[in-house]
Amino acid sequence: MRKLLYSFFLITLAFACTSNVNKDKNGDPNTLTIAVFGGSGDNNGSVKKAMEQFKNYLEKKLDKKIKLYITTDYTSVIEALHANKAQIGYLSPFSYVLAAQKKDITPIVAIGANGKPSIYHSIIFTNNQSGIIDIESLKKNAAHLSLSFSDPASTSGHLIPFAYLQSIGLNPDKNFKQIVFSGSHAATVLAVTSHKIDIGCSTKEYGTDILVRKGLIQKNDFTILWESDPIVASPVVIRKDVNKQLADKIKLLYLNLHRDDSTVFNAYIKLYHTNPRELAYMSIDDSLYNGVRKIANSIKDVELLKNH
């Protein structure tokens, strides 16, 4: 958690001097920027390629120049939004809760099916050489084990497993031999399955499942020690100072995207979901993330981020 605070401090300094944004007659930026966490390695390139298609789609529909900002962490997305370097952002539930503290953004859509937001799960897992077979053996041997979280502002790769470990009497900052932040779910999974790290915290659907499908790991390369309750889908957010007429139009384009241009919709969605034909963007509001907010507020160190 201290690393998360430090990251916020550094990025805040980097964005301290907000640039003057050229605006149109409605007071909106002439160029809209979308900030997206792209992960690391090959996934970053895949996200950029998929988002380029969406960028071109939006430019045609809005008759406005669109710019992409593909980041390697959620903190950069948050601070780009706060500094008005980006007007639209893709966040995790936890990074949204952190960002929403400044009250300058609002969630507009998330992926769902049949009127309900999609869900995913956090997992704590290990490799077949760690000697850990269950949570009890994890507790007994924590002092000799290395632990990897994903991105500091990740819900499934940091907040949820951090809170769970605390709930069973383990302080991740003190009770493990080594703590690292890998930067992405894929990096955490690969570090564990290659035996470089003993214990990993990631997501089942967007972490281990994806790498198994890609053939980068096998199901017998890891053992899941714990799986969380369902976590609600990640939001797309927009700055509150974007003209309401434009914001409503952008939201409607998201809501209709699966019907209007399934190729553009599928390009991004299929990176994370195996059933894009069953999915669509749905309208959401802040209350959807009250559960995540409650968990975040229950962890003392997260309170330090209240004013960031």
Protein backbone atom coordinates (compact mmCIF):
# COMPACT_ATOMS: atom_id res chain seq x y z
CA MET A 1 0.00 0.00 0.00
CA ARG A 2 2.88 2.36 0.66
CA LYS A 3 4.07 1.73 -2.90
CA LEU A 4 0.64 2.68 -4.18
CA LEU A 5 0.74 5.97 -2.31
CA TYR A 6 4.25 6.67 -3.58
CA SER A 7 3.17 5.96 -7.18
CA PHE A 8 0.30 8.40 -6.81
CA PHE A 9 2.71 11.04 -5.49
CA LEU A 10 5.12 10.65 -8.41
CA ILE A 11 2.43 10.69 -11.06
CA THR A 12 0.75 13.68 -9.45
CA LEU A 13 4.03 15.60 -9.74
CA ALA A 14 4.28 14.63 -13.39
CA PHE A 15 0.83 16.04 -14.08
CA ALA A 16 1.08 19.00 -11.70
CA CYS A 17 1.11 21.54 -14.49
CA THR A 18 -2.09 20.91 -16.43
CA SER A 19 -1.79 22.05 -20.01
CA ASN A 20 -4.14 24.56 -21.56
CA VAL A 21 -6.65 22.50 -23.53
CA ASN A 22 -7.87 23.94 -26.83
CA LYS A 23 -11.65 23.98 -26.67
CA ASP A 24 -14.52 24.19 -29.15
CA LYS A 25 -17.58 26.45 -28.98
CA ASN A 26 -19.22 24.12 -26.42
CA GLY A 27 -16.24 24.31 -24.10
CA ASP A 28 -15.08 20.77 -24.89
CA PRO A 29 -11.54 19.90 -25.98
CA ASN A 30 -11.05 19.95 -29.75
CA THR A 31 -9.32 16.62 -29.30
CA LEU A 32 -10.81 14.04 -26.93
CA THR A 33 -8.32 11.68 -25.30
CA ILE A 34 -9.15 8.16 -24.10
CA ALA A 35 -6.84 6.74 -21.43
CA VAL A 36 -6.67 2.93 -21.26
CA PHE A 37 -4.56 0.61 -19.13
CA GLY A 38 -2.99 -1.71 -21.67
CA GLY A 39 -1.10 -4.03 -19.37
CA SER A 40 2.40 -5.00 -20.41
CA GLY A 41 4.20 -6.85 -23.18
CA ASP A 42 2.11 -8.33 -26.01
CA ASN A 43 -1.16 -7.42 -24.31
CA ASN A 44 -0.33 -3.71 -24.50
CA GLY A 45 0.04 -4.00 -28.26
CA SER A 46 -3.21 -5.95 -28.57
CA VAL A 47 -5.12 -3.36 -26.56
CA LYS A 48 -3.69 -0.53 -28.67
CA LYS A 49 -4.65 -2.28 -31.90
CA ALA A 50 -8.22 -2.92 -30.70
CA MET A 51 -8.63 0.60 -29.34
CA GLU A 52 -7.40 2.10 -32.63
CA GLN A 53 -10.50 0.63 -34.27
CA PHE A 54 -12.72 2.19 -31.61
CA LYS A 55 -10.87 5.50 -31.96
CA ASN A 56 -11.60 5.58 -35.70
CA TYR A 57 -15.23 4.69 -35.02
CA LEU A 58 -15.64 7.55 -32.53
CA GLU A 59 -13.95 10.07 -34.83
CA LYS A 60 -16.47 9.30 -37.57
CA LYS A 61 -19.48 9.35 -35.26
CA LEU A 62 -18.51 12.49 -33.33
CA ASP A 63 -16.73 14.35 -36.14
CA LYS A 64 -14.03 15.10 -33.61
CA LYS A 65 -10.37 14.12 -33.33
CA ILE A 66 -9.77 11.29 -30.84
CA LYS A 67 -6.42 10.50 -29.25
CA LEU A 68 -5.42 7.32 -27.41
CA TYR A 69 -3.27 7.21 -24.30
CA ILE A 70 -2.32 3.57 -23.64
CA THR A 71 -0.74 3.25 -20.19
CA THR A 72 1.13 0.57 -18.29
CA ASP A 73 -0.67 1.21 -14.98
CA TYR A 74 -4.03 2.44 -13.68
CA THR A 75 -2.40 5.30 -11.78
CA SER A 76 -1.48 6.98 -15.06
CA VAL A 77 -5.09 6.71 -16.25
CA ILE A 78 -6.35 8.27 -13.02
CA GLU A 79 -3.97 11.21 -13.08
CA ALA A 80 -4.52 11.83 -16.80
CA LEU A 81 -8.24 12.18 -16.03
CA HIS A 82 -7.65 14.47 -13.03
CA ALA A 83 -5.32 16.70 -15.04
CA ASN A 84 -7.72 16.83 -18.01
CA LYS A 85 -5.06 15.15 -20.14
CA ALA A 86 -7.79 12.59 -20.88
CA GLN A 87 -11.56 13.00 -20.87
CA ILE A 88 -12.54 9.32 -21.08
CA GLY A 89 -10.91 6.56 -19.06
CA TYR A 90 -11.04 2.79 -18.65
CA LEU A 91 -10.60 1.88 -14.98
CA SER A 92 -10.79 -1.13 -12.70
CA PRO A 93 -13.39 -1.01 -9.91
CA PHE A 94 -10.70 -0.18 -7.30
CA SER A 95 -8.94 2.41 -9.45
CA TYR A 96 -12.35 3.99 -10.08
CA VAL A 97 -13.04 4.19 -6.34
CA LEU A 98 -9.65 5.87 -5.86
CA ALA A 99 -10.21 8.27 -8.77
CA ALA A 100 -13.78 9.13 -7.79
CA GLN A 101 -12.59 10.70 -4.54
CA LYS A 102 -11.86 13.92 -6.46
CA LYS A 103 -15.43 13.94 -7.78
CA ASP A 104 -14.41 15.07 -11.27
CA ILE A 105 -15.40 11.89 -13.13
CA THR A 106 -18.52 9.78 -13.48
CA PRO A 107 -18.96 6.17 -14.64
CA ILE A 108 -21.05 5.80 -17.78
CA VAL A 109 -20.93 2.18 -18.96
CA ALA A 110 -19.59 -1.27 -18.17
CA ILE A 111 -19.76 -4.61 -19.95
CA GLY A 112 -22.77 -6.73 -19.09
CA ALA A 113 -25.32 -9.27 -20.29
CA ASN A 114 -29.10 -9.31 -19.94
CA GLY A 115 -29.09 -6.05 -18.01
CA LYS A 116 -26.57 -7.22 -15.42
CA PRO A 117 -22.89 -6.22 -15.26
CA SER A 118 -20.39 -8.98 -15.95
CA ILE A 119 -18.41 -10.35 -13.03
CA TYR A 120 -14.97 -11.80 -12.41
CA HIS A 121 -12.99 -13.24 -9.50
CA SER A 122 -9.77 -12.58 -7.64
CA ILE A 123 -7.55 -15.55 -6.88
CA ILE A 124 -4.52 -16.36 -4.75
CA PHE A 125 -2.51 -19.14 -6.39
CA THR A 126 0.83 -20.90 -6.33
CA ASN A 127 3.06 -23.11 -8.47
CA ASN A 128 3.81 -26.79 -8.07
CA GLN A 129 7.22 -26.19 -6.49
CA SER A 130 6.25 -23.87 -3.64
CA GLY A 131 5.19 -26.65 -1.28
CA ILE A 132 1.99 -24.73 -0.48
CA ILE A 133 -1.18 -26.77 -0.83
CA ASP A 134 -3.83 -24.65 0.90
CA ILE A 135 -4.43 -21.43 2.82
CA GLU A 136 -3.36 -22.98 6.12
CA SER A 137 0.06 -23.91 4.75
CA LEU A 138 0.28 -20.43 3.24
CA LYS A 139 -0.27 -18.91 6.68
CA LYS A 140 2.30 -21.16 8.33
CA ASN A 141 5.00 -20.52 5.74
CA ALA A 142 4.37 -16.88 4.75
CA ALA A 143 7.69 -15.67 6.20
CA HIS A 144 9.53 -17.85 3.70
CA LEU A 145 7.41 -16.99 0.66
CA SER A 146 7.52 -14.29 -2.02
CA LEU A 147 4.19 -12.72 -3.02
CA SER A 148 3.27 -10.88 -6.22
CA PHE A 149 0.40 -8.43 -6.62
CA SER A 150 -0.47 -7.09 -10.07
CA ASP A 151 -1.07 -3.36 -10.59
CA PRO A 152 -1.29 -1.34 -7.32
CA ALA A 153 -4.72 -0.01 -8.30
CA SER A 154 -6.00 -3.39 -9.46
CA THR A 155 -9.13 -4.71 -7.75
CA SER A 156 -8.55 -8.44 -8.20
CA GLY A 157 -4.76 -8.22 -8.33
CA HIS A 158 -4.30 -6.12 -5.17
CA LEU A 159 -7.25 -4.74 -3.17
CA ILE A 160 -9.36 -7.90 -2.80
CA PRO A 161 -6.52 -10.36 -2.02
CA PHE A 162 -4.86 -7.78 0.26
CA ALA A 163 -8.10 -7.46 2.23
CA TYR A 164 -8.53 -11.24 2.36
CA LEU A 165 -5.00 -11.83 3.63
CA GLN A 166 -5.54 -9.23 6.34
CA SER A 167 -8.81 -10.94 7.30
CA ILE A 168 -6.97 -14.22 8.01
CA GLY A 169 -4.28 -12.52 10.06
CA LEU A 170 -1.59 -11.96 7.42
CA ASN A 171 -0.22 -8.47 6.84
CA PRO A 172 1.15 -8.54 3.28
CA ASP A 173 3.57 -5.70 4.05
CA LYS A 174 5.11 -7.50 7.04
CA ASN A 175 4.48 -11.23 7.02
CA PHE A 176 5.95 -12.30 3.67
CA LYS A 177 9.60 -12.68 2.73
CA GLN A 178 9.17 -10.47 -0.34
CA ILE A 179 6.38 -8.40 -1.90
CA VAL A 180 6.46 -7.26 -5.53
CA PHE A 181 4.11 -5.50 -7.94
CA SER A 182 4.45 -7.13 -11.35
CA GLY A 183 2.50 -4.46 -13.24
CA SER A 184 -0.12 -6.73 -14.82
CA HIS A 185 -2.09 -9.93 -14.31
CA ALA A 186 -0.16 -11.73 -17.03
CA ALA A 187 3.18 -10.80 -15.48
CA THR A 188 2.07 -12.10 -12.08
CA VAL A 189 0.79 -15.39 -13.50
CA LEU A 190 3.96 -15.96 -15.53
CA ALA A 191 6.20 -15.10 -12.58
CA VAL A 192 4.46 -17.71 -10.43
CA THR A 193 4.18 -20.46 -13.04
CA SER A 194 7.87 -20.02 -13.95
CA HIS A 195 8.75 -20.44 -10.24
CA LYS A 196 10.25 -16.95 -9.90
CA ILE A 197 7.58 -16.05 -7.31
CA ASP A 198 5.89 -18.40 -4.83
CA ILE A 199 2.44 -16.85 -4.47
CA GLY A 200 0.43 -14.75 -6.93
CA CYS A 201 -2.62 -12.51 -6.60
CA SER A 202 -4.50 -12.02 -9.84
CA THR A 203 -7.81 -12.66 -11.56
CA LYS A 204 -9.11 -15.98 -12.79
CA GLU A 205 -11.00 -14.75 -15.87
CA TYR A 206 -8.54 -12.10 -17.10
CA GLY A 207 -5.37 -13.70 -15.78
CA THR A 208 -4.91 -17.46 -15.60
CA ASP A 209 -7.83 -18.30 -17.91
CA ILE A 210 -6.54 -16.06 -20.71
CA LEU A 211 -2.99 -17.40 -20.52
CA VAL A 212 -4.28 -20.98 -20.57
CA ARG A 213 -6.36 -20.20 -23.68
CA LYS A 214 -3.31 -18.67 -25.35
CA GLY A 215 -1.29 -21.79 -24.56
CA LEU A 216 1.28 -19.82 -22.56
CA ILE A 217 0.65 -21.92 -19.44
CA GLN A 218 -1.08 -25.19 -18.60
CA LYS A 219 -3.79 -25.74 -16.00
CA ASN A 220 -1.47 -28.00 -14.00
CA ASP A 221 1.18 -25.25 -13.79
CA PHE A 222 -0.63 -23.63 -10.86
CA THR A 223 -2.96 -24.34 -7.96
CA ILE A 224 -5.66 -21.91 -6.84
CA LEU A 225 -5.58 -21.59 -3.05
CA TRP A 226 -8.44 -19.11 -2.70
CA GLU A 227 -11.10 -17.54 -4.93
CA SER A 228 -13.06 -14.40 -4.07
CA ASP A 229 -16.74 -13.63 -4.27
CA PRO A 230 -17.79 -12.11 -7.63
CA ILE A 231 -16.38 -8.66 -8.48
CA VAL A 232 -18.47 -6.28 -10.57
CA ALA A 233 -17.37 -5.20 -14.07
CA SER A 234 -14.86 -2.43 -14.72
CA PRO A 235 -16.27 1.01 -15.68
CA VAL A 236 -15.66 3.39 -18.54
CA VAL A 237 -15.70 6.90 -17.07
CA ILE A 238 -15.90 10.46 -18.37
CA ARG A 239 -14.93 13.79 -16.88
CA LYS A 240 -17.90 15.70 -15.44
CA ASP A 241 -16.92 18.92 -17.19
CA VAL A 242 -17.43 17.41 -20.64
CA ASN A 243 -20.48 19.07 -22.23
CA LYS A 244 -23.57 17.03 -21.27
CA GLN A 245 -24.81 16.77 -24.84
CA LEU A 246 -21.46 15.36 -25.95
CA ALA A 247 -21.20 13.07 -22.92
CA ASP A 248 -24.68 11.67 -23.59
CA LYS A 249 -23.79 11.07 -27.24
CA ILE A 250 -20.60 9.25 -26.27
CA LYS A 251 -22.51 7.09 -23.80
CA LEU A 252 -25.13 6.22 -26.41
CA LEU A 253 -22.40 5.21 -28.87
CA TYR A 254 -21.04 2.78 -26.28
CA LEU A 255 -24.50 1.38 -25.55
CA ASN A 256 -25.22 0.76 -29.24
CA LEU A 257 -21.74 -0.33 -30.29
CA HIS A 258 -22.41 -4.08 -30.26
CA ARG A 259 -25.25 -3.57 -32.76
CA ASP A 260 -23.86 -0.65 -34.73
CA ASP A 261 -20.40 -2.13 -35.38
CA SER A 262 -19.83 -5.59 -33.94
CA THR A 263 -16.33 -5.75 -35.46
CA VAL A 264 -15.18 -2.72 -33.46
CA PHE A 265 -16.98 -3.96 -30.34
CA ASN A 266 -15.51 -7.47 -30.57
CA ALA A 267 -11.96 -6.25 -31.23
CA TYR A 268 -11.61 -5.03 -27.63
CA ILE A 269 -14.08 -7.29 -25.84
CA LYS A 270 -12.62 -10.55 -27.18
CA LEU A 271 -9.29 -9.70 -25.53
CA TYR A 272 -10.92 -10.47 -22.18
CA HIS A 273 -14.14 -12.40 -22.85
CA THR A 274 -14.86 -15.66 -24.66
CA ASN A 275 -18.53 -14.80 -25.29
CA PRO A 276 -18.61 -11.32 -26.93
CA ARG A 277 -21.85 -12.09 -28.78
CA GLU A 278 -23.67 -12.33 -25.45
CA LEU A 279 -22.26 -9.05 -24.13
CA ALA A 280 -22.94 -5.34 -24.56
CA TYR A 281 -22.13 -2.09 -22.81
CA MET A 282 -24.77 -1.16 -20.24
CA SER A 283 -25.52 2.03 -18.34
CA ILE A 284 -24.14 2.18 -14.77
CA ASP A 285 -23.80 4.59 -11.88
CA ASP A 286 -21.46 5.14 -8.94
CA SER A 287 -23.48 2.99 -6.52
CA LEU A 288 -22.41 -0.13 -8.40
CA TYR A 289 -18.99 0.21 -6.74
CA ASN A 290 -20.10 0.71 -3.14
CA GLY A 291 -19.03 -2.85 -2.31
CA VAL A 292 -15.50 -2.24 -3.53
CA ARG A 293 -15.48 1.13 -1.77
CA LYS A 294 -16.44 -0.54 1.51
CA ILE A 295 -13.57 -3.02 1.20
CA ALA A 296 -11.10 -0.22 0.35
CA ASN A 297 -12.21 1.83 3.34
CA SER A 298 -11.75 -1.18 5.62
CA ILE A 299 -8.01 -1.25 4.87
CA LYS A 300 -6.18 1.35 6.91
CA ASP A 301 -3.47 2.16 4.36
CA VAL A 302 -6.01 2.96 1.64
CA GLU A 303 -7.31 5.78 3.82
CA LEU A 304 -4.01 7.58 3.14
CA LEU A 305 -5.18 8.08 -0.45
CA LYS A 306 -8.28 10.06 0.49
CA ASN A 307 -6.80 13.36 -0.64
CA HIS A 308 -5.00 12.07 -3.73
